[in-house]
């Protein structure tokens, strides 16, 4: 009888660890996707020479991907755009552990 209890306890612990590791791997993939999206946005903005229409299309694309993209155009003394500050918010979640947080990535397109 005790062997059956130990066997089921072992299976339960293995299942618990498996679900936890799967949740962590999924959250890590979400982080990787957000970083890749941020790099793509910076590349697009820099290639367009800080074009406002491209920035707006990147914001629309961010919404479609479940991110929140905020930009701040930095201008020099004569009013030319010199860089764009980019803030990307994404959700970090491990559903099995009931973890849901918003993380932020900051960078600049020059």
N, C-alpha and C. Protein backbone atom coordinates (compact mmCIF):
# COMPACT_ATOMS: atom_id res chain seq x y z
N UNK A 1 0.83 -1.20 0.00
CA UNK A 1 0.00 0.00 0.00
C UNK A 1 0.87 1.26 0.00
N UNK A 2 1.96 1.25 0.77
CA UNK A 2 2.81 2.43 0.81
C UNK A 2 3.53 2.63 -0.52
N UNK A 3 3.79 1.55 -1.26
CA UNK A 3 4.44 1.67 -2.57
C UNK A 3 3.54 2.40 -3.57
N UNK A 4 2.26 2.15 -3.50
CA UNK A 4 1.32 2.83 -4.40
C UNK A 4 1.29 4.32 -4.09
N UNK A 5 1.27 4.66 -2.81
CA UNK A 5 1.27 6.07 -2.40
C UNK A 5 2.55 6.75 -2.88
N UNK A 6 3.70 6.11 -2.70
CA UNK A 6 4.97 6.70 -3.13
C UNK A 6 5.03 6.85 -4.64
N UNK A 7 4.49 5.88 -5.37
CA UNK A 7 4.49 5.95 -6.82
C UNK A 7 3.64 7.13 -7.30
N UNK A 8 2.44 7.28 -6.75
CA UNK A 8 1.58 8.39 -7.14
C UNK A 8 2.16 9.74 -6.71
N UNK A 9 2.80 9.77 -5.56
CA UNK A 9 3.46 11.01 -5.12
C UNK A 9 4.60 11.37 -6.07
N UNK A 10 5.37 10.38 -6.49
CA UNK A 10 6.45 10.62 -7.44
C UNK A 10 5.93 11.13 -8.77
N UNK A 11 4.86 10.53 -9.26
CA UNK A 11 4.26 10.97 -10.52
C UNK A 11 3.72 12.39 -10.39
N UNK A 12 3.10 12.70 -9.26
CA UNK A 12 2.58 14.05 -9.03
C UNK A 12 3.71 15.08 -9.01
N UNK A 13 4.81 14.77 -8.36
CA UNK A 13 5.94 15.71 -8.29
C UNK A 13 6.56 15.90 -9.67
N UNK A 14 6.70 14.82 -10.42
CA UNK A 14 7.24 14.94 -11.78
C UNK A 14 6.32 15.79 -12.65
N UNK A 15 5.02 15.61 -12.53
CA UNK A 15 4.06 16.41 -13.28
C UNK A 15 4.15 17.88 -12.88
N UNK A 16 4.29 18.15 -11.61
CA UNK A 16 4.42 19.52 -11.11
C UNK A 16 5.65 20.18 -11.68
N UNK A 17 6.79 19.49 -11.65
CA UNK A 17 8.02 20.04 -12.20
C UNK A 17 7.91 20.26 -13.71
N UNK A 18 7.28 19.32 -14.40
CA UNK A 18 7.12 19.44 -15.85
C UNK A 18 6.29 20.66 -16.22
N UNK A 19 5.19 20.86 -15.54
CA UNK A 19 4.34 22.02 -15.83
C UNK A 19 5.05 23.34 -15.49
N UNK A 20 5.80 23.34 -14.41
CA UNK A 20 6.54 24.55 -14.03
C UNK A 20 7.61 24.88 -15.07
N UNK A 21 8.36 23.89 -15.49
CA UNK A 21 9.41 24.12 -16.48
C UNK A 21 8.82 24.53 -17.81
N UNK A 22 7.69 23.93 -18.20
CA UNK A 22 7.03 24.32 -19.44
C UNK A 22 6.59 25.79 -19.36
N UNK A 23 6.06 26.22 -18.23
CA UNK A 23 5.65 27.62 -18.05
C UNK A 23 6.83 28.57 -18.13
N UNK A 24 7.96 28.19 -17.54
CA UNK A 24 9.15 29.03 -17.58
C UNK A 24 9.69 29.12 -19.01
N UNK A 25 9.67 28.02 -19.72
CA UNK A 25 10.14 28.02 -21.12
C UNK A 25 9.25 28.89 -22.00
N UNK A 26 7.95 28.84 -21.76
CA UNK A 26 7.02 29.68 -22.52
C UNK A 26 7.25 31.16 -22.23
N UNK A 27 7.47 31.50 -20.96
CA UNK A 27 7.75 32.89 -20.59
C UNK A 27 9.06 33.36 -21.20
N UNK A 28 10.06 32.48 -21.25
CA UNK A 28 11.33 32.83 -21.87
C UNK A 28 11.16 33.08 -23.36
N UNK A 29 10.31 32.32 -24.00
CA UNK A 29 10.04 32.53 -25.42
C UNK A 29 9.34 33.87 -25.64
N UNK A 30 8.45 34.25 -24.73
CA UNK A 30 7.79 35.56 -24.82
C UNK A 30 8.80 36.70 -24.72
N UNK A 31 9.78 36.55 -23.82
CA UNK A 31 10.83 37.56 -23.68
C UNK A 31 11.64 37.65 -24.97
N UNK A 32 12.00 36.52 -25.51
CA UNK A 32 12.79 36.49 -26.74
C UNK A 32 12.02 37.14 -27.90
N UNK A 33 10.74 36.86 -28.00
CA UNK A 33 9.92 37.46 -29.06
C UNK A 33 9.83 38.97 -28.90
N UNK A 34 9.68 39.45 -27.67
CA UNK A 34 9.61 40.90 -27.43
C UNK A 34 10.92 41.57 -27.79
N UNK A 35 12.04 40.96 -27.43
CA UNK A 35 13.35 41.54 -27.79
C UNK A 35 13.55 41.56 -29.29
N UNK A 36 13.16 40.49 -29.96
CA UNK A 36 13.28 40.46 -31.42
C UNK A 36 12.40 41.53 -32.07
N UNK A 37 11.20 41.72 -31.54
CA UNK A 37 10.31 42.75 -32.07
C UNK A 37 10.92 44.14 -31.87
N UNK A 38 11.51 44.38 -30.70
CA UNK A 38 12.14 45.67 -30.43
C UNK A 38 13.28 45.93 -31.41
N UNK A 39 14.09 44.92 -31.67
CA UNK A 39 15.20 45.06 -32.62
C UNK A 39 14.67 45.35 -34.02
N UNK A 40 13.58 44.68 -34.39
CA UNK A 40 12.98 44.90 -35.70
C UNK A 40 12.45 46.33 -35.81
N UNK A 41 11.80 46.83 -34.76
CA UNK A 41 11.26 48.19 -34.77
C UNK A 41 12.40 49.20 -34.90
N UNK A 42 13.46 49.01 -34.14
CA UNK A 42 14.60 49.94 -34.21
C UNK A 42 15.19 49.93 -35.61
N UNK A 43 15.33 48.76 -36.19
CA UNK A 43 15.88 48.65 -37.54
C UNK A 43 15.00 49.38 -38.56
N UNK A 44 13.70 49.18 -38.47
CA UNK A 44 12.78 49.84 -39.41
C UNK A 44 12.83 51.36 -39.26
N UNK A 45 12.86 51.84 -38.03
CA UNK A 45 12.87 53.29 -37.80
C UNK A 45 14.18 53.89 -38.28
N UNK A 46 15.29 53.22 -38.01
CA UNK A 46 16.58 53.74 -38.45
C UNK A 46 16.71 53.72 -39.98
N UNK A 47 16.21 52.67 -40.62
CA UNK A 47 16.28 52.59 -42.08
C UNK A 47 15.39 53.63 -42.76
N UNK A 48 14.33 54.04 -42.07
CA UNK A 48 13.44 55.05 -42.64
C UNK A 48 13.88 56.47 -42.31
N UNK A 49 15.02 56.59 -41.64
CA UNK A 49 15.55 57.90 -41.24
C UNK A 49 14.59 58.61 -40.29
N UNK A 50 14.07 57.87 -39.32
CA UNK A 50 13.19 58.37 -38.25
C UNK A 50 11.87 58.94 -38.79
N UNK A 51 11.33 58.30 -39.80
CA UNK A 51 10.09 58.74 -40.44
C UNK A 51 8.91 58.50 -39.50
N UNK A 52 8.06 59.51 -39.37
CA UNK A 52 6.91 59.43 -38.45
C UNK A 52 5.88 58.40 -38.90
N UNK A 53 5.69 58.24 -40.20
CA UNK A 53 4.73 57.25 -40.69
C UNK A 53 5.18 55.83 -40.36
N UNK A 54 6.47 55.59 -40.44
CA UNK A 54 7.01 54.27 -40.09
C UNK A 54 6.83 54.02 -38.60
N UNK A 55 7.04 55.04 -37.80
CA UNK A 55 6.86 54.91 -36.35
C UNK A 55 5.41 54.55 -36.04
N UNK A 56 4.46 55.21 -36.71
CA UNK A 56 3.05 54.91 -36.49
C UNK A 56 2.69 53.49 -36.93
N UNK A 57 3.28 53.03 -38.03
CA UNK A 57 2.99 51.66 -38.48
C UNK A 57 3.60 50.64 -37.52
N UNK A 58 4.74 50.98 -36.91
CA UNK A 58 5.34 50.10 -35.90
C UNK A 58 4.45 50.02 -34.66
N UNK A 59 3.83 51.13 -34.30
CA UNK A 59 2.92 51.12 -33.16
C UNK A 59 1.70 50.24 -33.44
N UNK A 60 1.19 50.32 -34.67
CA UNK A 60 0.04 49.48 -35.04
C UNK A 60 0.44 48.00 -35.04
N UNK A 61 1.62 47.73 -35.52
CA UNK A 61 2.12 46.34 -35.52
C UNK A 61 2.31 45.83 -34.10
N UNK A 62 2.74 46.70 -33.20
CA UNK A 62 2.93 46.31 -31.80
C UNK A 62 1.60 45.93 -31.17
N UNK A 63 0.57 46.69 -31.46
CA UNK A 63 -0.76 46.38 -30.92
C UNK A 63 -1.24 45.03 -31.44
N UNK A 64 -0.99 44.76 -32.72
CA UNK A 64 -1.39 43.48 -33.31
C UNK A 64 -0.65 42.30 -32.67
N UNK A 65 0.56 42.54 -32.19
CA UNK A 65 1.36 41.48 -31.56
C UNK A 65 1.16 41.41 -30.06
N UNK A 66 0.33 42.27 -29.50
CA UNK A 66 0.04 42.22 -28.07
C UNK A 66 1.01 43.03 -27.23
N UNK A 67 1.72 43.96 -27.84
CA UNK A 67 2.67 44.81 -27.12
C UNK A 67 2.13 46.23 -27.06
N UNK A 68 2.75 47.02 -26.20
CA UNK A 68 2.44 48.45 -26.15
C UNK A 68 3.75 49.18 -26.46
N UNK A 69 3.76 49.92 -27.55
CA UNK A 69 4.95 50.63 -28.00
C UNK A 69 4.73 52.12 -27.83
N UNK A 70 5.63 52.75 -27.08
CA UNK A 70 5.60 54.20 -26.91
C UNK A 70 6.90 54.76 -27.47
N UNK A 71 6.79 55.89 -28.15
CA UNK A 71 7.97 56.52 -28.72
C UNK A 71 8.03 57.98 -28.30
N UNK A 72 9.24 58.48 -28.25
CA UNK A 72 9.48 59.88 -27.95
C UNK A 72 10.57 60.36 -28.90
N UNK A 73 10.20 61.24 -29.82
CA UNK A 73 11.16 61.75 -30.79
C UNK A 73 11.98 62.86 -30.14
N UNK A 74 13.28 62.72 -30.21
CA UNK A 74 14.20 63.70 -29.64
C UNK A 74 14.74 64.55 -30.78
N UNK A 75 14.60 65.87 -30.64
CA UNK A 75 14.99 66.80 -31.71
C UNK A 75 16.14 67.68 -31.24
N UNK A 76 16.91 68.18 -32.22
CA UNK A 76 18.02 69.08 -31.90
C UNK A 76 17.51 70.52 -31.84
N UNK A 77 18.43 71.46 -31.75
CA UNK A 77 18.06 72.87 -31.58
C UNK A 77 17.29 73.45 -32.78
N UNK A 78 17.51 72.92 -33.96
CA UNK A 78 16.83 73.48 -35.13
C UNK A 78 15.60 72.68 -35.53
N UNK A 79 15.23 71.70 -34.73
CA UNK A 79 13.98 70.97 -34.95
C UNK A 79 14.11 69.69 -35.74
N UNK A 80 15.34 69.25 -36.03
CA UNK A 80 15.52 67.98 -36.74
C UNK A 80 15.45 66.83 -35.76
N UNK A 81 14.86 65.74 -36.20
CA UNK A 81 14.82 64.53 -35.37
C UNK A 81 16.20 63.89 -35.36
N UNK A 82 16.73 63.67 -34.14
CA UNK A 82 18.05 63.05 -34.03
C UNK A 82 17.97 61.61 -33.53
N UNK A 83 16.97 61.32 -32.74
CA UNK A 83 16.78 59.94 -32.27
C UNK A 83 15.35 59.76 -31.78
N UNK A 84 15.00 58.49 -31.61
CA UNK A 84 13.67 58.16 -31.11
C UNK A 84 13.85 57.22 -29.94
N UNK A 85 13.31 57.62 -28.79
CA UNK A 85 13.32 56.75 -27.62
C UNK A 85 12.16 55.77 -27.75
N UNK A 86 12.47 54.49 -27.56
CA UNK A 86 11.48 53.43 -27.73
C UNK A 86 11.26 52.72 -26.41
N UNK A 87 10.00 52.59 -26.01
CA UNK A 87 9.63 51.85 -24.82
C UNK A 87 8.60 50.79 -25.23
N UNK A 88 8.97 49.53 -25.02
CA UNK A 88 8.11 48.42 -25.40
C UNK A 88 7.68 47.68 -24.15
N UNK A 89 6.38 47.61 -23.92
CA UNK A 89 5.84 46.86 -22.78
C UNK A 89 5.25 45.54 -23.28
N UNK A 90 5.56 44.48 -22.55
CA UNK A 90 5.04 43.16 -22.90
C UNK A 90 4.68 42.41 -21.63
N UNK A 91 3.83 41.42 -21.77
CA UNK A 91 3.39 40.62 -20.62
C UNK A 91 4.31 39.44 -20.41
N UNK A 92 4.68 39.23 -19.16
CA UNK A 92 5.47 38.09 -18.73
C UNK A 92 4.55 37.24 -17.89
N UNK A 93 4.26 36.04 -18.37
CA UNK A 93 3.29 35.23 -17.62
C UNK A 93 3.71 33.77 -17.56
N UNK A 94 3.51 33.21 -16.37
CA UNK A 94 3.62 31.78 -16.15
C UNK A 94 2.28 31.38 -15.57
N UNK A 95 1.40 30.88 -16.43
CA UNK A 95 0.02 30.66 -16.02
C UNK A 95 -0.11 29.60 -14.93
N UNK A 96 0.73 28.58 -14.97
CA UNK A 96 0.63 27.51 -13.97
C UNK A 96 0.93 28.04 -12.56
N UNK A 97 1.84 29.01 -12.46
CA UNK A 97 2.18 29.59 -11.16
C UNK A 97 1.39 30.86 -10.88
N UNK A 98 0.48 31.21 -11.79
CA UNK A 98 -0.36 32.41 -11.66
C UNK A 98 0.49 33.68 -11.56
N UNK A 99 1.51 33.77 -12.41
CA UNK A 99 2.38 34.94 -12.48
C UNK A 99 2.02 35.71 -13.74
N UNK A 100 1.69 36.98 -13.58
CA UNK A 100 1.42 37.86 -14.71
C UNK A 100 1.98 39.23 -14.38
N UNK A 101 3.03 39.60 -15.08
CA UNK A 101 3.68 40.90 -14.85
C UNK A 101 3.89 41.59 -16.18
N UNK A 102 4.01 42.89 -16.14
CA UNK A 102 4.33 43.67 -17.32
C UNK A 102 5.80 44.08 -17.23
N UNK A 103 6.56 43.72 -18.25
CA UNK A 103 7.96 44.10 -18.31
C UNK A 103 8.15 45.14 -19.40
N UNK A 104 9.22 45.89 -19.30
CA UNK A 104 9.48 46.99 -20.22
C UNK A 104 10.88 46.90 -20.77
N UNK A 105 11.00 47.18 -22.07
CA UNK A 105 12.29 47.27 -22.73
C UNK A 105 12.46 48.70 -23.24
N UNK A 106 13.63 49.27 -23.00
CA UNK A 106 13.94 50.64 -23.46
C UNK A 106 15.11 50.58 -24.44
N UNK A 107 15.06 51.43 -25.45
CA UNK A 107 16.17 51.54 -26.37
C UNK A 107 16.00 52.81 -27.20
N UNK A 108 16.99 53.08 -28.04
CA UNK A 108 16.98 54.28 -28.88
C UNK A 108 17.24 53.90 -30.32
N UNK A 109 16.56 54.55 -31.24
CA UNK A 109 16.84 54.45 -32.68
C UNK A 109 17.50 55.77 -33.06
N UNK A 110 18.64 55.65 -33.72
CA UNK A 110 19.39 56.88 -34.07
C UNK A 110 19.58 56.99 -35.56
